[in-house]
Amino acid sequence: MNQIVMAIKMGYGVRILTGELTDISVNANFKLFEEYKLSEKIIIEDYKIPQQKSTRIFNAAWLLIKNVSLLPHFIKYYKQSDKKGLLPLYEFFFYKDFRKFDTIHIQFGTNKHPVDIMKKTGYLKSRIIVSFHGHDLYFPINNRIPNNGYYDRLFEAADYLVANTAFLKEKLLALSAPEKKIEIIPVAVDTSIFKPGKPDNNKSGITRILSVGRLEIFKGHHLGIECISKLVKRGYDLQYSIVGSGSQDEVLEQLIQKSGLTNHIKLLGSKSQSDISRLLPTQEIFLMTSITDPNYGVESQGLVTAEAQACGLPVVAFDSGGVRYTLIDGETGFLCKEKDLDCFTEKIEILISNDVLRKNMGLNAVEFIERKYSENSVLDKWRNIYV
């Protein structure tokens, strides 16, 4: 969504190809869908394959007759395809209309098929850009896709391979991706939305702390709760809010109750982007608790860390994946070794106890994000690739 909107802002004609369309009205980015009229730009990947076998064969034959000039291209495509039968034929002729696009931007490497084959065989002349986001580089992907040269054809066919941090670039290089094709372009923060609020003189004495992320194990919210528990026992008056939903909802709720922290920790459920942009400036510290999960991987960037800093919040984070590239340790926040709860608790305590340091780090954070992660700083990088 971030990159789609940026392309539109740069003046490009954008269409969105997707295999499935869910209920947009409940999407966290629903307002962006409305503002940029994205629903009008969607193309559903529907090959229109008839259920009845005889009709399926007849239609396939008619496609070949109607497009006989493309037969040599199709034969090359069919030989390269891992799929057999009539499916490759329907795929090929569905995608033939995409030859008119100057650029095809693939989000997540796993969505490479059949563009990688079409570009390699010379049928597609479009510039191919692939944005990798993290879990699409951890094999077996989704616990089912092995690394048996899975990306070899894509690496050959693509013009650019985009990683959001140096961490992800190293993952690509480890898979033998050609370094000359790799560009590091972070996911940008819209600083017109994520920005500091008005100065807040908190007279309640309660320190407001926030985390945002799906309620899954790799997000590490249980570790954040454990650190808050330690600080409450030391006598600090805290209000820790966690935004998100997921499979760990009940587990975390039970942990909060078991720890006697129901007055100090609240699970707020899912929030829209606009809701989060309004909530962040009301907080004082942001916790990025994500960790490495063997079943998922690790954060390749952690956009919410940058969004929090754009709102003037210093961040305490575990040094996992690409998170280290989204803050400056000791200047805009603190990094701790993964799962080092003593360090994590100590850094939160420092920020609670030192108002001047906390506010100065918040100011540093706003400047850092504007310089490195704002849309203005990222737009030129995309222009250089798209032109």
Protein backbone atom coordinates (compact mmCIF):
# COMPACT_ATOMS: atom_id res chain seq x y z
CA MET A 1 0.00 0.00 0.00
CA ASN A 2 2.82 2.36 0.92
CA GLN A 3 4.54 1.93 -2.44
CA ILE A 4 1.31 2.00 -4.45
CA VAL A 5 0.34 5.36 -2.97
CA MET A 6 3.82 6.77 -3.52
CA ALA A 7 3.73 5.75 -7.20
CA ILE A 8 0.37 7.50 -7.59
CA LYS A 9 1.74 10.63 -5.88
CA MET A 10 4.62 10.63 -8.37
CA GLY A 11 2.10 10.77 -11.22
CA TYR A 12 2.30 7.22 -12.52
CA GLY A 13 -0.72 5.40 -13.91
CA VAL A 14 -1.15 2.49 -11.52
CA ARG A 15 -3.20 -0.69 -11.75
CA ILE A 16 -3.27 -3.27 -8.97
CA LEU A 17 -3.29 -6.97 -9.88
CA THR A 18 -4.45 -9.25 -7.10
CA GLY A 19 -5.55 -12.85 -6.86
CA GLU A 20 -8.25 -12.10 -4.32
CA LEU A 21 -10.26 -9.11 -3.13
CA THR A 22 -11.33 -9.15 0.50
CA ASP A 23 -13.67 -6.74 2.26
CA ILE A 24 -11.96 -3.38 1.77
CA SER A 25 -14.28 -1.64 4.25
CA VAL A 26 -12.60 -3.42 7.17
CA ASN A 27 -9.06 -2.85 5.89
CA ALA A 28 -6.82 -0.77 8.16
CA ASN A 29 -6.00 1.41 5.12
CA PHE A 30 -9.60 1.91 4.07
CA LYS A 31 -9.24 5.71 3.98
CA LEU A 32 -6.34 5.40 1.53
CA PHE A 33 -8.50 3.17 -0.68
CA GLU A 34 -11.09 5.93 -0.77
CA GLU A 35 -8.73 8.87 -1.12
CA TYR A 36 -6.81 7.39 -4.05
CA LYS A 37 -9.78 5.49 -5.54
CA LEU A 38 -7.82 2.27 -5.43
CA SER A 39 -10.88 0.08 -5.92
CA GLU A 40 -11.13 1.46 -9.47
CA LYS A 41 -7.54 0.40 -10.17
CA ILE A 42 -7.89 -3.26 -9.19
CA ILE A 43 -7.59 -6.14 -11.66
CA ILE A 44 -8.56 -9.59 -10.39
CA GLU A 45 -6.29 -12.39 -11.56
CA ASP A 46 -9.04 -14.56 -12.99
CA TYR A 47 -8.06 -16.83 -15.89
CA LYS A 48 -11.73 -17.65 -16.53
CA ILE A 49 -11.10 -21.37 -16.86
CA PRO A 50 -14.40 -23.19 -17.52
CA GLN A 51 -15.40 -25.94 -15.09
CA GLN A 52 -16.64 -28.27 -17.83
CA LYS A 53 -13.79 -30.15 -19.49
CA SER A 54 -15.12 -29.96 -23.05
CA THR A 55 -15.66 -26.21 -22.78
CA ARG A 56 -12.25 -25.80 -21.20
CA ILE A 57 -10.59 -27.57 -24.16
CA PHE A 58 -12.67 -25.71 -26.74
CA ASN A 59 -11.87 -22.30 -25.22
CA ALA A 60 -8.18 -23.17 -25.03
CA ALA A 61 -8.16 -24.12 -28.72
CA TRP A 62 -9.97 -20.90 -29.60
CA LEU A 63 -7.38 -18.84 -27.67
CA LEU A 64 -4.62 -20.44 -29.72
CA ILE A 65 -6.43 -19.88 -33.02
CA LYS A 66 -7.29 -16.30 -32.15
CA ASN A 67 -3.71 -15.56 -31.10
CA VAL A 68 -1.80 -17.76 -33.53
CA SER A 69 0.94 -15.14 -33.92
CA LEU A 70 1.81 -15.64 -30.24
CA LEU A 71 2.21 -19.41 -30.54
CA PRO A 72 6.05 -19.34 -30.62
CA HIS A 73 6.06 -17.26 -27.42
CA PHE A 74 3.61 -19.61 -25.75
CA ILE A 75 5.69 -22.68 -26.65
CA LYS A 76 8.75 -21.08 -25.00
CA TYR A 77 6.64 -20.22 -21.97
CA TYR A 78 5.17 -23.72 -21.71
CA LYS A 79 8.62 -25.34 -21.82
CA GLN A 80 9.78 -23.15 -18.91
CA SER A 81 6.63 -23.56 -16.82
CA ASP A 82 6.56 -26.01 -13.93
CA LYS A 83 2.85 -26.48 -14.55
CA LYS A 84 1.42 -28.64 -17.29
CA GLY A 85 -1.94 -29.22 -18.93
CA LEU A 86 -4.14 -26.31 -19.95
CA LEU A 87 -3.41 -24.03 -16.97
CA PRO A 88 -0.22 -22.50 -18.48
CA LEU A 89 -2.16 -21.65 -21.63
CA TYR A 90 -4.86 -19.77 -19.73
CA GLU A 91 -2.17 -18.07 -17.63
CA PHE A 92 -0.22 -16.97 -20.67
CA PHE A 93 -3.14 -15.44 -22.51
CA PHE A 94 -4.41 -13.69 -19.39
CA TYR A 95 -1.04 -12.00 -18.95
CA LYS A 96 -0.61 -11.05 -22.61
CA ASP A 97 -2.43 -7.77 -21.96
CA PHE A 98 0.23 -6.74 -19.45
CA ARG A 99 2.81 -6.22 -22.18
CA LYS A 100 1.59 -2.61 -22.45
CA PHE A 101 2.84 -1.78 -18.94
CA ASP A 102 6.22 -0.07 -18.70
CA THR A 103 6.87 -1.50 -15.25
CA ILE A 104 5.57 -4.49 -13.34
CA HIS A 105 6.26 -4.11 -9.63
CA ILE A 106 5.96 -7.43 -7.77
CA GLN A 107 5.24 -7.20 -4.06
CA PHE A 108 6.75 -10.20 -2.24
CA GLY A 109 9.01 -12.49 -4.21
CA THR A 110 6.55 -15.35 -3.86
CA ASN A 111 4.25 -13.56 -6.34
CA LYS A 112 6.83 -13.96 -9.12
CA HIS A 113 4.88 -16.44 -11.28
CA PRO A 114 4.33 -16.22 -14.21
CA VAL A 115 6.04 -12.85 -14.75
CA ASP A 116 9.52 -14.28 -14.18
CA ILE A 117 9.06 -16.85 -16.98
CA MET A 118 7.51 -14.36 -19.38
CA LYS A 119 10.35 -11.90 -18.90
CA LYS A 120 13.03 -14.59 -19.18
CA THR A 121 11.59 -15.96 -22.44
CA GLY A 122 11.48 -12.45 -23.90
CA TYR A 123 7.70 -12.18 -24.15
CA LEU A 124 7.44 -9.40 -21.58
CA LYS A 125 9.50 -6.29 -22.22
CA SER A 126 8.34 -4.48 -19.08
CA ARG A 127 10.80 -3.42 -16.42
CA ILE A 128 10.47 -5.90 -13.54
CA ILE A 129 10.89 -4.64 -9.97
CA VAL A 130 10.54 -6.97 -7.00
CA SER A 131 10.06 -5.74 -3.44
CA PHE A 132 11.03 -8.31 -0.83
CA HIS A 133 9.53 -7.86 2.61
CA GLY A 134 11.11 -10.45 4.86
CA HIS A 135 9.35 -13.76 5.26
CA ASP A 136 9.57 -14.29 1.48
CA LEU A 137 13.31 -14.88 1.98
CA TYR A 138 13.06 -17.43 4.80
CA PHE A 139 13.07 -21.02 3.58
CA PRO A 140 11.03 -23.10 3.70
CA ILE A 141 8.71 -20.18 2.94
CA ASN A 142 5.44 -20.54 4.82
CA ASN A 143 6.84 -23.89 5.99
CA ARG A 144 6.19 -25.44 2.58
CA ILE A 145 8.32 -23.87 -0.19
CA PRO A 146 11.90 -25.24 -0.25
CA ASN A 147 14.92 -23.42 -1.56
CA ASN A 148 15.71 -25.51 -4.60
CA GLY A 149 16.66 -22.60 -6.83
CA TYR A 150 13.24 -21.09 -6.16
CA TYR A 151 14.34 -17.54 -7.04
CA ASP A 152 16.98 -18.29 -9.67
CA ARG A 153 14.71 -17.44 -12.60
CA LEU A 154 13.41 -14.31 -10.88
CA PHE A 155 16.90 -13.07 -10.06
CA GLU A 156 17.78 -13.45 -13.73
CA ALA A 157 14.62 -11.84 -15.09
CA ALA A 158 14.21 -8.91 -12.69
CA ASP A 159 15.71 -5.50 -13.34
CA TYR A 160 15.71 -4.47 -9.67
CA LEU A 161 15.49 -6.38 -6.40
CA VAL A 162 14.40 -4.04 -3.62
CA ALA A 163 15.29 -4.62 0.04
CA ASN A 164 13.99 -2.30 2.73
CA THR A 165 17.16 -2.53 4.86
CA ALA A 166 20.76 -3.69 4.62
CA PHE A 167 19.67 -6.71 6.65
CA LEU A 168 17.40 -7.88 3.85
CA LYS A 169 20.07 -7.15 1.27
CA GLU A 170 22.33 -9.63 3.06
CA LYS A 171 19.56 -12.21 2.88
CA LEU A 172 19.31 -11.70 -0.87
CA LEU A 173 23.05 -11.98 -1.33
CA ALA A 174 23.06 -15.22 0.67
CA LEU A 175 20.63 -16.60 -1.93
CA SER A 176 23.05 -15.59 -4.73
CA ALA A 177 21.02 -12.61 -5.91
CA PRO A 178 23.16 -10.37 -8.17
CA GLU A 179 24.34 -7.46 -6.04
CA LYS A 180 24.22 -5.02 -8.96
CA LYS A 181 20.43 -5.46 -9.11
CA ILE A 182 19.80 -4.87 -5.39
CA GLU A 183 18.58 -1.47 -4.19
CA ILE A 184 17.90 -0.57 -0.56
CA ILE A 185 14.74 1.52 -0.29
CA PRO A 186 12.98 1.65 3.07
CA VAL A 187 9.23 1.64 3.47
CA ALA A 188 8.51 5.33 3.95
CA VAL A 189 6.63 7.11 6.71
CA ASP A 190 4.00 9.68 5.80
CA THR A 191 5.16 12.47 8.08
CA SER A 192 2.12 14.56 7.19
CA ILE A 193 0.11 12.00 9.18
CA PHE A 194 2.66 10.67 11.64
CA LYS A 195 3.93 13.76 13.43
CA PRO A 196 4.37 15.03 16.99
CA GLY A 197 1.34 16.33 18.81
CA LYS A 198 1.11 19.47 20.86
CA PRO A 199 3.43 19.64 23.91
CA ASP A 200 1.87 17.57 26.69
CA ASN A 201 2.65 18.33 30.30
CA ASN A 202 1.72 15.02 31.85
CA LYS A 203 0.64 15.88 35.36
CA SER A 204 -0.86 12.51 36.16
CA GLY A 205 2.51 10.95 36.91
CA ILE A 206 1.56 7.92 34.82
CA THR A 207 4.07 7.09 32.09
CA ARG A 208 2.30 6.11 28.88
CA ILE A 209 3.97 3.37 26.88
CA LEU A 210 2.83 1.82 23.60
CA SER A 211 3.48 -1.16 21.32
CA VAL A 212 1.84 -1.76 17.94
CA GLY A 213 1.89 -5.07 16.11
CA ARG A 214 -0.04 -8.24 15.41
CA LEU A 215 -0.57 -10.42 18.45
CA GLU A 216 1.74 -13.20 17.27
CA ILE A 217 4.70 -14.85 18.98
CA PHE A 218 7.35 -13.22 16.82
CA LYS A 219 6.07 -9.76 17.83
CA GLY A 220 7.29 -10.50 21.36
CA HIS A 221 4.48 -8.76 23.25
CA HIS A 222 4.80 -11.30 26.07
CA LEU A 223 8.33 -10.01 26.66
CA GLY A 224 7.11 -6.43 26.82
CA ILE A 225 4.53 -7.46 29.40
CA GLU A 226 7.23 -9.15 31.46
CA CYS A 227 9.37 -6.00 31.45
CA ILE A 228 6.42 -3.82 32.44
CA SER A 229 5.70 -6.25 35.28
CA LYS A 230 9.22 -5.75 36.62
CA LEU A 231 8.87 -1.97 36.50
CA VAL A 232 5.48 -1.98 38.23
CA LYS A 233 7.01 -4.08 41.01
CA ARG A 234 9.70 -1.41 41.35
CA GLY A 235 6.99 1.13 42.04
CA TYR A 236 6.58 2.85 38.68
CA ASP A 237 3.10 3.96 37.70
CA LEU A 238 2.71 2.89 34.08
CA GLN A 239 0.03 2.52 31.45
CA TYR A 240 1.16 0.11 28.73
CA SER A 241 -1.12 -0.18 25.70
CA ILE A 242 -0.78 -2.81 22.97
CA VAL A 243 -2.47 -2.28 19.60
CA GLY A 244 -3.13 -5.31 17.41
CA SER A 245 -5.01 -8.55 17.06
CA GLY A 246 -3.98 -12.11 16.36
CA SER A 247 -3.69 -15.68 17.56
CA GLN A 248 -2.07 -14.71 20.88
CA ASP A 249 -4.94 -12.49 22.03
CA GLU A 250 -6.25 -14.80 24.75
CA VAL A 251 -2.75 -15.92 25.76
CA LEU A 252 -1.65 -12.34 26.36
CA GLU A 253 -4.87 -11.44 28.16
CA GLN A 254 -4.36 -14.37 30.52
CA LEU A 255 -0.74 -13.37 31.09
CA ILE A 256 -1.82 -9.85 32.01
CA GLN A 257 -4.42 -11.14 34.47
CA LYS A 258 -2.07 -13.72 35.96
CA SER A 259 0.55 -11.02 36.52
CA GLY A 260 -1.99 -8.76 38.24
CA LEU A 261 -1.47 -6.04 35.63
CA THR A 262 -5.01 -5.37 34.45
CA ASN A 263 -4.77 -1.79 35.75
CA HIS A 264 -1.48 -1.20 33.94
CA ILE A 265 -1.73 -3.04 30.61
CA LYS A 266 -4.52 -2.85 28.03
CA LEU A 267 -4.97 -4.73 24.76
CA LEU A 268 -6.63 -2.22 22.46
CA GLY A 269 -7.33 -4.51 19.51
CA SER A 270 -6.81 -3.53 15.88
CA LYS A 271 -6.65 0.12 14.91
CA SER A 272 -6.65 1.89 11.55
CA GLN A 273 -3.64 3.83 10.35
CA SER A 274 -5.36 7.11 11.20
CA ASP A 275 -6.24 5.82 14.68
CA ILE A 276 -2.60 4.86 15.30
CA SER A 277 -1.34 8.21 14.00
CA ARG A 278 -3.57 9.95 16.57
CA LEU A 279 -2.65 7.58 19.39
CA LEU A 280 1.14 7.71 19.03
CA PRO A 281 1.60 11.42 19.92
CA THR A 282 -0.30 10.87 23.19
CA GLN A 283 2.32 8.35 24.35
CA GLU A 284 5.80 8.87 25.81
CA ILE A 285 7.77 5.70 25.02
CA PHE A 286 7.45 3.10 22.28
CA LEU A 287 8.44 -0.55 22.74
CA MET A 288 9.48 -2.60 19.72
CA THR A 289 9.46 -6.12 21.13
CA SER A 290 9.76 -8.18 17.93
CA ILE A 291 12.06 -11.20 17.99
CA THR A 292 13.21 -13.95 15.65
CA ASP A 293 10.70 -16.75 15.14
CA PRO A 294 11.89 -19.92 13.35
CA ASN A 295 8.42 -20.36 11.84
CA TYR A 296 8.17 -16.79 10.51
CA GLY A 297 11.57 -15.18 10.37
CA VAL A 298 12.18 -11.72 11.73
CA GLU A 299 11.29 -8.10 11.10
CA SER A 300 13.08 -6.90 7.99
CA GLN A 301 12.46 -3.25 8.90
CA GLY A 302 9.66 -2.62 11.35
CA LEU A 303 7.75 0.36 9.91
CA VAL A 304 5.94 1.11 13.15
CA THR A 305 9.27 1.89 14.84
CA ALA A 306 9.81 4.67 12.33
CA GLU A 307 6.20 5.87 12.67
CA ALA A 308 6.60 6.13 16.45
CA GLN A 309 9.78 8.17 16.13
CA ALA A 310 8.12 10.45 13.57
CA CYS A 311 5.62 11.24 16.34
CA GLY A 312 8.44 12.13 18.74
CA LEU A 313 8.64 8.91 20.76
CA PRO A 314 11.99 7.39 21.76
CA VAL A 315 12.07 3.65 21.08
CA VAL A 316 13.33 0.70 23.10
CA ALA A 317 13.83 -2.27 20.77
CA PHE A 318 15.39 -5.69 20.54
CA ASP A 319 18.23 -5.84 18.04
CA SER A 320 16.49 -8.29 15.71
CA GLY A 321 16.52 -8.40 11.93
CA GLY A 322 16.51 -5.00 10.30
CA VAL A 323 15.12 -3.09 13.30
CA ARG A 324 18.57 -1.67 14.10
CA TYR A 325 18.44 0.37 10.90
CA THR A 326 15.26 2.19 11.95
CA LEU A 327 16.72 4.00 14.96
CA ILE A 328 20.01 5.38 16.27
CA ASP A 329 21.04 3.57 19.43
CA GLY A 330 21.65 6.09 22.21
CA GLU A 331 20.25 9.02 20.20
CA THR A 332 16.67 8.22 19.15
CA GLY A 333 16.21 5.18 21.37
CA PHE A 334 17.92 2.10 22.73
CA LEU A 335 18.75 -1.32 21.32
CA CYS A 336 19.08 -4.44 23.44
CA LYS A 337 20.17 -7.93 22.54
CA GLU A 338 17.27 -10.13 21.58
CA LYS A 339 15.31 -11.34 24.63
CA ASP A 340 17.67 -9.52 27.03
CA LEU A 341 14.92 -8.50 29.42
CA ASP A 342 17.29 -6.96 31.98
CA CYS A 343 18.64 -4.56 29.36
CA PHE A 344 15.17 -3.85 27.96
CA THR A 345 13.76 -3.10 31.42
CA GLU A 346 16.75 -0.94 32.31
CA LYS A 347 16.39 1.19 29.16
CA ILE A 348 12.67 1.74 29.74
CA GLU A 349 13.48 2.75 33.30
CA ILE A 350 16.07 5.28 32.11
CA LEU A 351 13.51 6.92 29.85
CA ILE A 352 10.87 6.96 32.59
CA SER A 353 13.25 8.52 35.09
CA ASN A 354 14.88 11.13 32.84
CA ASP A 355 12.36 13.53 31.30
CA VAL A 356 15.03 15.64 29.60
CA LEU A 357 16.69 12.64 27.94
CA ARG A 358 13.33 11.26 26.84
CA LYS A 359 12.27 14.54 25.24
CA ASN A 360 15.65 15.11 23.57
CA MET A 361 15.59 11.62 22.13
CA GLY A 362 12.09 12.32 20.84
CA LEU A 363 13.31 15.46 19.07
CA ASN A 364 16.25 13.54 17.60
CA ALA A 365 13.85 10.86 16.44
CA VAL A 366 11.66 13.29 14.51
CA GLU A 367 14.69 14.73 12.69
CA PHE A 368 16.12 11.27 11.96
CA ILE A 369 12.89 9.99 10.40
CA GLU A 370 12.44 13.13 8.31
CA ARG A 371 15.95 12.70 6.96
CA LYS A 372 15.96 8.94 6.35
CA TYR A 373 12.42 7.56 6.25
CA SER A 374 10.03 10.33 5.23
CA GLU A 375 8.29 10.14 1.87
CA ASN A 376 10.31 13.11 0.67
CA SER A 377 13.57 11.29 1.34
CA VAL A 378 12.38 8.06 -0.33
CA LEU A 379 10.56 9.40 -3.41
CA ASP A 380 13.73 10.16 -5.36
CA LYS A 381 14.97 6.60 -4.86
CA TRP A 382 11.78 5.23 -6.42
CA ARG A 383 11.94 7.77 -9.26
CA ASN A 384 15.42 6.57 -10.14
CA ILE A 385 14.10 3.01 -10.48
CA TYR A 386 10.78 3.71 -12.20
CA VAL A 387 12.09 6.01 -14.96
